[in-house]
């Protein structure tokens, strides 16, 4: 089975127009984590969740199968990862 990349062609629009997650979501996630050293944002897309997690975790690993999505992600000092 191969990855069907439906997001790369629309990565710029996805990054520009996708609604933000509520701040309370990340506050809740951080509240159940025993440690705040590292978080993993699997299928990060344009990195919205990674940015929210970055406020609570020392380092966030953000990965996505679409390298184009990663290229359109907002950079954060404590977020790193990779695309496909």
PDB file of N, CA and C in Angstrom:
ATOM      1  N   UNK A   1       0.843  -1.177   0.000  1.00  0.00           N
ATOM      2  CA  UNK A   1       0.000   0.000   0.000  1.00  0.00           C
ATOM      3  C   UNK A   1       0.890   1.243   0.000  1.00  0.00           C
ATOM      4  N   UNK A   2       0.530   2.230  -0.788  1.00  0.00           N
ATOM      5  CA  UNK A   2       1.301   3.465  -0.839  1.00  0.00           C
ATOM      6  C   UNK A   2       0.483   4.611  -0.251  1.00  0.00           C
ATOM      7  N   UNK A   3       1.185   5.601   0.204  1.00  0.00           N
ATOM      8  CA  UNK A   3       0.563   6.791   0.803  1.00  0.00           C
ATOM      9  C   UNK A   3      -0.091   7.628  -0.290  1.00  0.00           C
ATOM     10  N   UNK A   4      -1.362   7.919  -0.152  1.00  0.00           N
ATOM     11  CA  UNK A   4      -2.079   8.792  -1.077  1.00  0.00           C
ATOM     12  C   UNK A   4      -1.993  10.212  -0.537  1.00  0.00           C
ATOM     13  N   UNK A   5      -1.137  11.007  -1.128  1.00  0.00           N
ATOM     14  CA  UNK A   5      -0.887  12.362  -0.653  1.00  0.00           C
ATOM     15  C   UNK A   5      -1.909  13.333  -1.228  1.00  0.00           C
ATOM     16  N   UNK A   6      -2.958  13.579  -0.460  1.00  0.00           N
ATOM     17  CA  UNK A   6      -4.009  14.504  -0.882  1.00  0.00           C
ATOM     18  C   UNK A   6      -3.752  15.928  -0.386  1.00  0.00           C
ATOM     19  N   UNK A   7      -2.729  16.110   0.445  1.00  0.00           N
ATOM     20  CA  UNK A   7      -2.525  17.405   1.099  1.00  0.00           C
ATOM     21  C   UNK A   7      -1.441  18.271   0.473  1.00  0.00           C
ATOM     22  N   UNK A   8      -0.418  17.689  -0.099  1.00  0.00           N
ATOM     23  CA  UNK A   8       0.688  18.489  -0.635  1.00  0.00           C
ATOM     24  C   UNK A   8       0.244  19.548  -1.645  1.00  0.00           C
ATOM     25  N   UNK A   9      -0.643  19.216  -2.587  1.00  0.00           N
ATOM     26  CA  UNK A   9      -1.034  20.242  -3.563  1.00  0.00           C
ATOM     27  C   UNK A   9      -1.762  21.436  -2.937  1.00  0.00           C
ATOM     28  N   UNK A  10      -2.330  21.256  -1.764  1.00  0.00           N
ATOM     29  CA  UNK A  10      -3.086  22.326  -1.111  1.00  0.00           C
ATOM     30  C   UNK A  10      -2.415  22.832   0.163  1.00  0.00           C
ATOM     31  N   UNK A  11      -1.154  22.514   0.351  1.00  0.00           N
ATOM     32  CA  UNK A  11      -0.460  22.824   1.612  1.00  0.00           C
ATOM     33  C   UNK A  11      -0.482  24.305   1.960  1.00  0.00           C
ATOM     34  N   UNK A  12      -0.271  25.175   1.003  1.00  0.00           N
ATOM     35  CA  UNK A  12      -0.257  26.615   1.298  1.00  0.00           C
ATOM     36  C   UNK A  12      -1.632  27.101   1.748  1.00  0.00           C
ATOM     37  N   UNK A  13      -2.679  26.665   1.079  1.00  0.00           N
ATOM     38  CA  UNK A  13      -4.041  27.049   1.468  1.00  0.00           C
ATOM     39  C   UNK A  13      -4.414  26.450   2.816  1.00  0.00           C
ATOM     40  N   UNK A  14      -4.013  25.215   3.020  1.00  0.00           N
ATOM     41  CA  UNK A  14      -4.288  24.542   4.293  1.00  0.00           C
ATOM     42  C   UNK A  14      -3.675  25.327   5.448  1.00  0.00           C
ATOM     43  N   UNK A  15      -2.432  25.764   5.277  1.00  0.00           N
ATOM     44  CA  UNK A  15      -1.741  26.532   6.316  1.00  0.00           C
ATOM     45  C   UNK A  15      -2.398  27.900   6.537  1.00  0.00           C
ATOM     46  N   UNK A  16      -2.873  28.495   5.474  1.00  0.00           N
ATOM     47  CA  UNK A  16      -3.432  29.849   5.573  1.00  0.00           C
ATOM     48  C   UNK A  16      -4.853  29.894   6.142  1.00  0.00           C
ATOM     49  N   UNK A  17      -5.646  28.875   5.868  1.00  0.00           N
ATOM     50  CA  UNK A  17      -7.069  28.972   6.189  1.00  0.00           C
ATOM     51  C   UNK A  17      -7.588  27.984   7.238  1.00  0.00           C
ATOM     52  N   UNK A  18      -6.753  27.093   7.712  1.00  0.00           N
ATOM     53  CA  UNK A  18      -7.228  26.126   8.700  1.00  0.00           C
ATOM     54  C   UNK A  18      -7.478  26.817  10.035  1.00  0.00           C
ATOM     55  N   UNK A  19      -8.627  26.564  10.665  1.00  0.00           N
ATOM     56  CA  UNK A  19      -8.908  27.188  11.969  1.00  0.00           C
ATOM     57  C   UNK A  19      -7.915  26.724  13.037  1.00  0.00           C
ATOM     58  N   UNK A  20      -7.686  27.600  14.002  1.00  0.00           N
ATOM     59  CA  UNK A  20      -6.760  27.292  15.105  1.00  0.00           C
ATOM     60  C   UNK A  20      -7.427  26.371  16.124  1.00  0.00           C
ATOM     61  N   UNK A  21      -6.609  25.569  16.796  1.00  0.00           N
ATOM     62  CA  UNK A  21      -7.100  24.766  17.918  1.00  0.00           C
ATOM     63  C   UNK A  21      -7.256  25.671  19.137  1.00  0.00           C
ATOM     64  N   UNK A  22      -8.197  25.355  20.013  1.00  0.00           N
ATOM     65  CA  UNK A  22      -8.332  26.160  21.231  1.00  0.00           C
ATOM     66  C   UNK A  22      -7.161  25.931  22.183  1.00  0.00           C
ATOM     67  N   UNK A  23      -6.736  26.986  22.848  1.00  0.00           N
ATOM     68  CA  UNK A  23      -5.629  26.932  23.792  1.00  0.00           C
ATOM     69  C   UNK A  23      -5.878  25.885  24.882  1.00  0.00           C
ATOM     70  N   UNK A  24      -7.124  25.725  25.276  1.00  0.00           N
ATOM     71  CA  UNK A  24      -7.489  24.783  26.340  1.00  0.00           C
ATOM     72  C   UNK A  24      -7.159  23.335  25.975  1.00  0.00           C
ATOM     73  N   UNK A  25      -7.141  23.015  24.694  1.00  0.00           N
ATOM     74  CA  UNK A  25      -6.777  21.663  24.265  1.00  0.00           C
ATOM     75  C   UNK A  25      -5.360  21.319  24.706  1.00  0.00           C
ATOM     76  N   UNK A  26      -4.428  22.220  24.459  1.00  0.00           N
ATOM     77  CA  UNK A  26      -3.027  21.960  24.794  1.00  0.00           C
ATOM     78  C   UNK A  26      -2.789  22.018  26.297  1.00  0.00           C
ATOM     79  N   UNK A  27      -3.518  22.870  26.945  1.00  0.00           N
ATOM     80  CA  UNK A  27      -3.459  22.944  28.405  1.00  0.00           C
ATOM     81  C   UNK A  27      -3.911  21.605  29.002  1.00  0.00           C
ATOM     82  N   UNK A  28      -4.948  21.022  28.429  1.00  0.00           N
ATOM     83  CA  UNK A  28      -5.459  19.734  28.891  1.00  0.00           C
ATOM     84  C   UNK A  28      -4.466  18.608  28.623  1.00  0.00           C
ATOM     85  N   UNK A  29      -3.894  18.584  27.427  1.00  0.00           N
ATOM     86  CA  UNK A  29      -2.894  17.559  27.081  1.00  0.00           C
ATOM     87  C   UNK A  29      -1.705  17.659  28.025  1.00  0.00           C
ATOM     88  N   UNK A  30      -1.213  18.858  28.240  1.00  0.00           N
ATOM     89  CA  UNK A  30      -0.065  19.052  29.134  1.00  0.00           C
ATOM     90  C   UNK A  30      -0.418  18.644  30.563  1.00  0.00           C
ATOM     91  N   UNK A  31      -1.674  18.807  30.930  1.00  0.00           N
ATOM     92  CA  UNK A  31      -2.093  18.470  32.279  1.00  0.00           C
ATOM     93  C   UNK A  31      -2.077  16.982  32.578  1.00  0.00           C
ATOM     94  N   UNK A  32      -2.196  16.146  31.562  1.00  0.00           N
ATOM     95  CA  UNK A  32      -2.175  14.701  31.786  1.00  0.00           C
ATOM     96  C   UNK A  32      -0.799  14.086  31.558  1.00  0.00           C
ATOM     97  N   UNK A  33       0.130  14.858  31.032  1.00  0.00           N
ATOM     98  CA  UNK A  33       1.480  14.347  30.790  1.00  0.00           C
ATOM     99  C   UNK A  33       2.294  14.379  32.080  1.00  0.00           C
ATOM    100  N   UNK A  34       2.958  13.262  32.368  1.00  0.00           N
ATOM    101  CA  UNK A  34       3.775  13.182  33.584  1.00  0.00           C
ATOM    102  C   UNK A  34       5.024  14.063  33.479  1.00  0.00           C
ATOM    103  N   UNK A  35       5.587  14.161  32.277  1.00  0.00           N
ATOM    104  CA  UNK A  35       6.780  14.982  32.033  1.00  0.00           C
ATOM    105  C   UNK A  35       6.510  15.887  30.849  1.00  0.00           C
ATOM    106  N   UNK A  36       7.266  16.952  30.781  1.00  0.00           N
ATOM    107  CA  UNK A  36       7.084  17.914  29.695  1.00  0.00           C
ATOM    108  C   UNK A  36       8.377  18.121  28.910  1.00  0.00           C
ATOM    109  N   UNK A  37       9.139  17.031  28.779  1.00  0.00           N
ATOM    110  CA  UNK A  37      10.402  17.122  28.036  1.00  0.00           C
ATOM    111  C   UNK A  37      10.188  17.028  26.538  1.00  0.00           C
ATOM    112  N   UNK A  38       9.398  16.027  26.086  1.00  0.00           N
ATOM    113  CA  UNK A  38       9.221  15.794  24.653  1.00  0.00           C
ATOM    114  C   UNK A  38       7.773  15.412  24.364  1.00  0.00           C
ATOM    115  N   UNK A  39       7.247  15.945  23.276  1.00  0.00           N
ATOM    116  CA  UNK A  39       5.936  15.537  22.763  1.00  0.00           C
ATOM    117  C   UNK A  39       6.109  15.227  21.279  1.00  0.00           C
ATOM    118  N   UNK A  40       5.301  14.315  20.767  1.00  0.00           N
ATOM    119  CA  UNK A  40       5.348  13.957  19.349  1.00  0.00           C
ATOM    120  C   UNK A  40       4.016  14.330  18.713  1.00  0.00           C
ATOM    121  N   UNK A  41       4.061  15.133  17.685  1.00  0.00           N
ATOM    122  CA  UNK A  41       2.875  15.486  16.901  1.00  0.00           C
ATOM    123  C   UNK A  41       2.933  14.691  15.606  1.00  0.00           C
ATOM    124  N   UNK A  42       2.280  13.547  15.605  1.00  0.00           N
ATOM    125  CA  UNK A  42       2.219  12.669  14.434  1.00  0.00           C
ATOM    126  C   UNK A  42       1.191  13.223  13.459  1.00  0.00           C
ATOM    127  N   UNK A  43       1.530  13.293  12.187  1.00  0.00           N
ATOM    128  CA  UNK A  43       0.650  13.856  11.155  1.00  0.00           C
ATOM    129  C   UNK A  43       0.393  15.338  11.460  1.00  0.00           C
ATOM    130  N   UNK A  44       1.469  16.065  11.668  1.00  0.00           N
ATOM    131  CA  UNK A  44       1.405  17.471  12.088  1.00  0.00           C
ATOM    132  C   UNK A  44       0.753  18.402  11.072  1.00  0.00           C
ATOM    133  N   UNK A  45       0.742  18.029   9.818  1.00  0.00           N
ATOM    134  CA  UNK A  45       0.183  18.933   8.799  1.00  0.00           C
ATOM    135  C   UNK A  45       0.990  20.210   8.764  1.00  0.00           C
ATOM    136  N   UNK A  46       0.341  21.339   8.980  1.00  0.00           N
ATOM    137  CA  UNK A  46       1.060  22.619   8.942  1.00  0.00           C
ATOM    138  C   UNK A  46       1.602  23.027  10.312  1.00  0.00           C
ATOM    139  N   UNK A  47       1.574  22.103  11.262  1.00  0.00           N
ATOM    140  CA  UNK A  47       2.219  22.339  12.545  1.00  0.00           C
ATOM    141  C   UNK A  47       1.416  23.102  13.575  1.00  0.00           C
ATOM    142  N   UNK A  48       0.117  23.256  13.376  1.00  0.00           N
ATOM    143  CA  UNK A  48      -0.687  24.001  14.354  1.00  0.00           C
ATOM    144  C   UNK A  48      -0.635  23.359  15.728  1.00  0.00           C
ATOM    145  N   UNK A  49      -0.806  22.053  15.779  1.00  0.00           N
ATOM    146  CA  UNK A  49      -0.764  21.374  17.079  1.00  0.00           C
ATOM    147  C   UNK A  49       0.647  21.421  17.660  1.00  0.00           C
ATOM    148  N   UNK A  50       1.657  21.279  16.818  1.00  0.00           N
ATOM    149  CA  UNK A  50       3.035  21.338  17.302  1.00  0.00           C
ATOM    150  C   UNK A  50       3.315  22.677  17.969  1.00  0.00           C
ATOM    151  N   UNK A  51       2.825  23.750  17.389  1.00  0.00           N
ATOM    152  CA  UNK A  51       3.000  25.072  17.978  1.00  0.00           C
ATOM    153  C   UNK A  51       2.312  25.205  19.323  1.00  0.00           C
ATOM    154  N   UNK A  52       1.122  24.657  19.426  1.00  0.00           N
ATOM    155  CA  UNK A  52       0.404  24.677  20.700  1.00  0.00           C
ATOM    156  C   UNK A  52       1.106  23.848  21.758  1.00  0.00           C
ATOM    157  N   UNK A  53       1.612  22.685  21.361  1.00  0.00           N
ATOM    158  CA  UNK A  53       2.353  21.820  22.291  1.00  0.00           C
ATOM    159  C   UNK A  53       3.670  22.459  22.718  1.00  0.00           C
ATOM    160  N   UNK A  54       4.265  23.241  21.824  1.00  0.00           N
ATOM    161  CA  UNK A  54       5.559  23.873  22.104  1.00  0.00           C
ATOM    162  C   UNK A  54       5.506  24.824  23.288  1.00  0.00           C
ATOM    163  N   UNK A  55       4.322  25.297  23.626  1.00  0.00           N
ATOM    164  CA  UNK A  55       4.174  26.178  24.791  1.00  0.00           C
ATOM    165  C   UNK A  55       4.316  25.408  26.105  1.00  0.00           C
ATOM    166  N   UNK A  56       4.136  24.095  26.046  1.00  0.00           N
ATOM    167  CA  UNK A  56       4.117  23.285  27.264  1.00  0.00           C
ATOM    168  C   UNK A  56       5.230  22.244  27.354  1.00  0.00           C
ATOM    169  N   UNK A  57       5.858  21.929  26.226  1.00  0.00           N
ATOM    170  CA  UNK A  57       6.881  20.892  26.204  1.00  0.00           C
ATOM    171  C   UNK A  57       8.220  21.481  25.754  1.00  0.00           C
ATOM    172  N   UNK A  58       9.296  20.976  26.334  1.00  0.00           N
ATOM    173  CA  UNK A  58      10.633  21.492  26.020  1.00  0.00           C
ATOM    174  C   UNK A  58      10.991  21.271  24.558  1.00  0.00           C
ATOM    175  N   UNK A  59      10.576  20.138  24.006  1.00  0.00           N
ATOM    176  CA  UNK A  59      10.862  19.833  22.606  1.00  0.00           C
ATOM    177  C   UNK A  59       9.666  19.101  22.014  1.00  0.00           C
ATOM    178  N   UNK A  60       9.278  19.467  20.807  1.00  0.00           N
ATOM    179  CA  UNK A  60       8.187  18.807  20.101  1.00  0.00           C
ATOM    180  C   UNK A  60       8.742  18.244  18.798  1.00  0.00           C
ATOM    181  N   UNK A  61       8.504  16.969  18.581  1.00  0.00           N
ATOM    182  CA  UNK A  61       8.877  16.315  17.329  1.00  0.00           C
ATOM    183  C   UNK A  61       7.620  16.314  16.466  1.00  0.00           C
ATOM    184  N   UNK A  62       7.689  16.963  15.317  1.00  0.00           N
ATOM    185  CA  UNK A  62       6.539  17.077  14.418  1.00  0.00           C
ATOM    186  C   UNK A  62       6.852  16.357  13.112  1.00  0.00           C
ATOM    187  N   UNK A  63       6.049  15.351  12.792  1.00  0.00           N
ATOM    188  CA  UNK A  63       6.277  14.579  11.573  1.00  0.00           C
ATOM    189  C   UNK A  63       5.009  14.534  10.731  1.00  0.00           C
ATOM    190  N   UNK A  64       5.199  14.413   9.425  1.00  0.00           N
ATOM    191  CA  UNK A  64       4.080  14.283   8.510  1.00  0.00           C
ATOM    192  C   UNK A  64       4.566  13.578   7.247  1.00  0.00           C
ATOM    193  N   UNK A  65       3.702  12.787   6.643  1.00  0.00           N
ATOM    194  CA  UNK A  65       4.063  12.097   5.404  1.00  0.00           C
ATOM    195  C   UNK A  65       4.181  13.070   4.233  1.00  0.00           C
ATOM    196  N   UNK A  66       3.599  14.248   4.353  1.00  0.00           N
ATOM    197  CA  UNK A  66       3.644  15.255   3.299  1.00  0.00           C
ATOM    198  C   UNK A  66       4.739  16.275   3.582  1.00  0.00           C
ATOM    199  N   UNK A  67       5.825  16.181   2.853  1.00  0.00           N
ATOM    200  CA  UNK A  67       6.931  17.133   3.018  1.00  0.00           C
ATOM    201  C   UNK A  67       6.476  18.553   2.696  1.00  0.00           C
ATOM    202  N   UNK A  68       5.546  18.699   1.785  1.00  0.00           N
ATOM    203  CA  UNK A  68       5.033  20.020   1.417  1.00  0.00           C
ATOM    204  C   UNK A  68       4.296  20.668   2.592  1.00  0.00           C
ATOM    205  N   UNK A  69       3.579  19.868   3.359  1.00  0.00           N
ATOM    206  CA  UNK A  69       2.908  20.396   4.549  1.00  0.00           C
ATOM    207  C   UNK A  69       3.949  20.923   5.536  1.00  0.00           C
ATOM    208  N   UNK A  70       4.987  20.154   5.757  1.00  0.00           N
ATOM    209  CA  UNK A  70       6.069  20.559   6.672  1.00  0.00           C
ATOM    210  C   UNK A  70       6.703  21.865   6.200  1.00  0.00           C
ATOM    211  N   UNK A  71       6.888  22.001   4.889  1.00  0.00           N
ATOM    212  CA  UNK A  71       7.504  23.223   4.344  1.00  0.00           C
ATOM    213  C   UNK A  71       6.659  24.462   4.617  1.00  0.00           C
ATOM    214  N   UNK A  72       5.360  24.302   4.775  1.00  0.00           N
ATOM    215  CA  UNK A  72       4.468  25.430   5.024  1.00  0.00           C
ATOM    216  C   UNK A  72       4.151  25.619   6.506  1.00  0.00           C
ATOM    217  N   UNK A  73       4.792  24.834   7.342  1.00  0.00           N
ATOM    218  CA  UNK A  73       4.553  24.937   8.787  1.00  0.00           C
ATOM    219  C   UNK A  73       5.230  26.178   9.357  1.00  0.00           C
ATOM    220  N   UNK A  74       4.606  26.754  10.361  1.00  0.00           N
ATOM    221  CA  UNK A  74       5.199  27.881  11.072  1.00  0.00           C
ATOM    222  C   UNK A  74       6.359  27.347  11.914  1.00  0.00           C
ATOM    223  N   UNK A  75       7.541  27.940  11.808  1.00  0.00           N
ATOM    224  CA  UNK A  75       8.677  27.449  12.604  1.00  0.00           C
ATOM    225  C   UNK A  75       8.595  27.893  14.070  1.00  0.00           C
ATOM    226  N   UNK A  76       9.024  27.011  14.943  1.00  0.00           N
ATOM    227  CA  UNK A  76       9.130  27.291  16.378  1.00  0.00           C
ATOM    228  C   UNK A  76      10.500  26.810  16.827  1.00  0.00           C
ATOM    229  N   UNK A  77      11.119  27.527  17.751  1.00  0.00           N
ATOM    230  CA  UNK A  77      12.467  27.181  18.204  1.00  0.00           C
ATOM    231  C   UNK A  77      12.582  25.767  18.762  1.00  0.00           C
ATOM    232  N   UNK A  78      11.573  25.301  19.445  1.00  0.00           N
ATOM    233  CA  UNK A  78      11.670  23.997  20.096  1.00  0.00           C
ATOM    234  C   UNK A  78      10.860  22.914  19.378  1.00  0.00           C
ATOM    235  N   UNK A  79      10.579  23.115  18.083  1.00  0.00           N
ATOM    236  CA  UNK A  79       9.892  22.111  17.271  1.00  0.00           C
ATOM    237  C   UNK A  79      10.804  21.670  16.145  1.00  0.00           C
ATOM    238  N   UNK A  80      10.958  20.370  15.988  1.00  0.00           N
ATOM    239  CA  UNK A  80      11.750  19.801  14.906  1.00  0.00           C
ATOM    240  C   UNK A  80      11.075  18.542  14.421  1.00  0.00           C
ATOM    241  N   UNK A  81      11.444  18.089  13.267  1.00  0.00           N
ATOM    242  CA  UNK A  81      10.836  16.860  12.736  1.00  0.00           C
ATOM    243  C   UNK A  81      11.176  16.711  11.285  1.00  0.00           C
ATOM    244  N   UNK A  82      10.328  15.951  10.590  1.00  0.00           N
ATOM    245  CA  UNK A  82      10.610  15.714   9.196  1.00  0.00           C
ATOM    246  C   UNK A  82       9.351  15.346   8.435  1.00  0.00           C
ATOM    247  N   UNK A  83       9.460  15.452   7.119  1.00  0.00           N
ATOM    248  CA  UNK A  83       8.397  15.017   6.215  1.00  0.00           C
ATOM    249  C   UNK A  83       8.725  13.640   5.701  1.00  0.00           C
ATOM    250  N   UNK A  84       7.992  13.219   4.702  1.00  0.00           N
ATOM    251  CA  UNK A  84       8.081  11.877   4.142  1.00  0.00           C
ATOM    252  C   UNK A  84       9.410  11.302   4.227  1.00  0.00           C
TER     253      UNK A  84
END
